[in-house]
Amino acid sequence: MTGKNVLALGVVTFLVGAGAMFAVTVVVNDDPKMTVQSESAAKADMPQTREGLIAAWTAELEKAGEEKPDGWETLPTGEIRDRYLSQYFINAPDAEDIDPDMVVQRD
């Protein structure tokens, strides 16, 4: 083979490789897929106003037999939301409360 033939073969090989790479990148779409999920129950039931959060927090505290702490009126809305969620999860039933016959076997 002469130098021109080797150069031509190299150029053809390069072009075929570049074309294959282009075809693969066009066919393969690696964009993130959009998924749609329903709102979680906690988010759907989450009060959106300060008054709603206070009412929900008060209800959760009453379930636990507790009262709001002194000075709660000065708490920021975010703190009231956090305390409501904390009490909500504390009041959540355990697995045994939901299904007493369920036996958890641990090795």
Protein backbone atom coordinates (compact mmCIF):
# COMPACT_ATOMS: atom_id res chain seq x y z
CA MET A 1 0.00 0.00 0.00
CA THR A 2 1.16 3.43 -0.77
CA GLY A 3 1.04 6.41 1.58
CA LYS A 4 -2.00 7.84 -0.21
CA ASN A 5 -3.89 4.56 0.15
CA VAL A 6 -3.09 4.39 3.88
CA LEU A 7 -4.18 8.01 4.31
CA ALA A 8 -7.42 7.38 2.37
CA LEU A 9 -8.12 4.24 4.43
CA GLY A 10 -7.52 6.22 7.63
CA VAL A 11 -9.87 9.00 6.53
CA VAL A 12 -12.58 6.51 5.52
CA THR A 13 -12.20 4.67 8.82
CA PHE A 14 -12.41 7.94 10.72
CA LEU A 15 -15.54 9.02 8.83
CA VAL A 16 -17.23 5.64 9.35
CA GLY A 17 -16.41 5.80 13.08
CA ALA A 18 -17.63 9.39 13.36
CA GLY A 19 -20.83 8.49 11.51
CA ALA A 20 -21.43 5.51 13.79
CA MET A 21 -20.81 7.66 16.87
CA PHE A 22 -23.23 10.29 15.58
CA ALA A 23 -25.88 7.65 14.85
CA VAL A 24 -25.54 6.19 18.34
CA THR A 25 -25.80 9.58 20.05
CA VAL A 26 -28.88 10.48 18.01
CA VAL A 27 -30.61 7.17 18.75
CA VAL A 28 -29.70 7.05 22.45
CA ASN A 29 -31.63 9.68 24.37
CA ASP A 30 -30.04 10.13 27.79
CA ASP A 31 -32.22 13.04 28.85
CA PRO A 32 -33.75 12.56 32.28
CA LYS A 33 -37.17 10.99 32.08
CA MET A 34 -40.11 12.89 33.51
CA THR A 35 -42.08 10.88 36.02
CA VAL A 36 -45.42 11.78 37.44
CA GLN A 37 -46.27 10.78 40.98
CA SER A 38 -49.35 11.41 42.99
CA GLU A 39 -49.02 13.66 45.99
CA SER A 40 -48.25 11.82 49.17
CA ALA A 41 -51.00 11.69 51.76
CA ALA A 42 -48.97 13.79 54.18
CA LYS A 43 -48.41 16.51 51.61
CA ALA A 44 -51.99 16.44 50.42
CA ASP A 45 -53.28 16.80 54.01
CA MET A 46 -50.66 19.35 55.07
CA PRO A 47 -52.34 22.59 56.12
CA GLN A 48 -51.14 25.53 54.07
CA THR A 49 -51.89 28.37 56.49
CA ARG A 50 -50.57 29.20 59.95
CA GLU A 51 -54.06 28.85 61.39
CA GLY A 52 -54.48 25.46 59.75
CA LEU A 53 -51.12 24.28 61.10
CA ILE A 54 -52.03 25.44 64.61
CA ALA A 55 -55.38 23.61 64.43
CA ALA A 56 -53.74 20.41 63.13
CA TRP A 57 -50.94 20.59 65.71
CA THR A 58 -53.49 21.15 68.49
CA ALA A 59 -55.49 18.11 67.32
CA GLU A 60 -52.38 15.92 67.29
CA LEU A 61 -51.38 17.13 70.75
CA GLU A 62 -54.88 16.36 72.05
CA LYS A 63 -54.61 12.81 70.69
CA ALA A 64 -51.44 12.42 72.76
CA GLY A 65 -53.01 14.03 75.82
CA GLU A 66 -50.68 17.02 75.67
CA GLU A 67 -51.08 20.77 75.41
CA LYS A 68 -49.24 23.43 73.45
CA PRO A 69 -46.15 24.72 75.25
CA ASP A 70 -46.05 28.15 76.88
CA GLY A 71 -45.12 30.87 74.45
CA TRP A 72 -46.14 28.87 71.39
CA GLU A 73 -47.71 32.01 69.91
CA THR A 74 -44.25 33.43 69.22
CA LEU A 75 -43.07 30.36 67.30
CA PRO A 76 -42.44 30.94 63.60
CA THR A 77 -44.73 29.13 61.19
CA GLY A 78 -41.93 26.79 60.11
CA GLU A 79 -41.37 25.70 63.71
CA ILE A 80 -45.09 25.06 64.17
CA ARG A 81 -45.07 22.98 60.96
CA ASP A 82 -42.09 20.98 62.25
CA ARG A 83 -43.72 20.39 65.62
CA TYR A 84 -46.99 19.36 63.98
CA LEU A 85 -45.21 16.85 61.73
CA SER A 86 -43.19 15.52 64.64
CA GLN A 87 -46.32 14.96 66.72
CA TYR A 88 -48.12 13.51 63.70
CA PHE A 89 -45.43 10.84 63.30
CA ILE A 90 -45.25 10.19 67.03
CA ASN A 91 -49.01 9.54 67.02
CA ALA A 92 -48.82 7.27 63.97
CA PRO A 93 -49.83 3.68 64.72
CA ASP A 94 -47.23 0.94 64.99
CA ALA A 95 -47.41 -2.21 62.87
CA GLU A 96 -48.70 -4.16 65.87
CA ASP A 97 -51.55 -1.66 66.27
CA ILE A 98 -52.51 -2.07 62.63
CA ASP A 99 -52.29 -5.88 62.54
CA PRO A 100 -51.82 -7.51 65.96
CA ASP A 101 -51.65 -10.99 64.42
CA MET A 102 -48.64 -10.10 62.32
CA VAL A 103 -45.59 -11.86 63.69
CA VAL A 104 -42.15 -10.48 62.97
CA GLN A 105 -39.54 -13.20 63.06
CA ARG A 106 -35.99 -12.14 63.58
CA ASP A 107 -33.04 -14.45 63.31
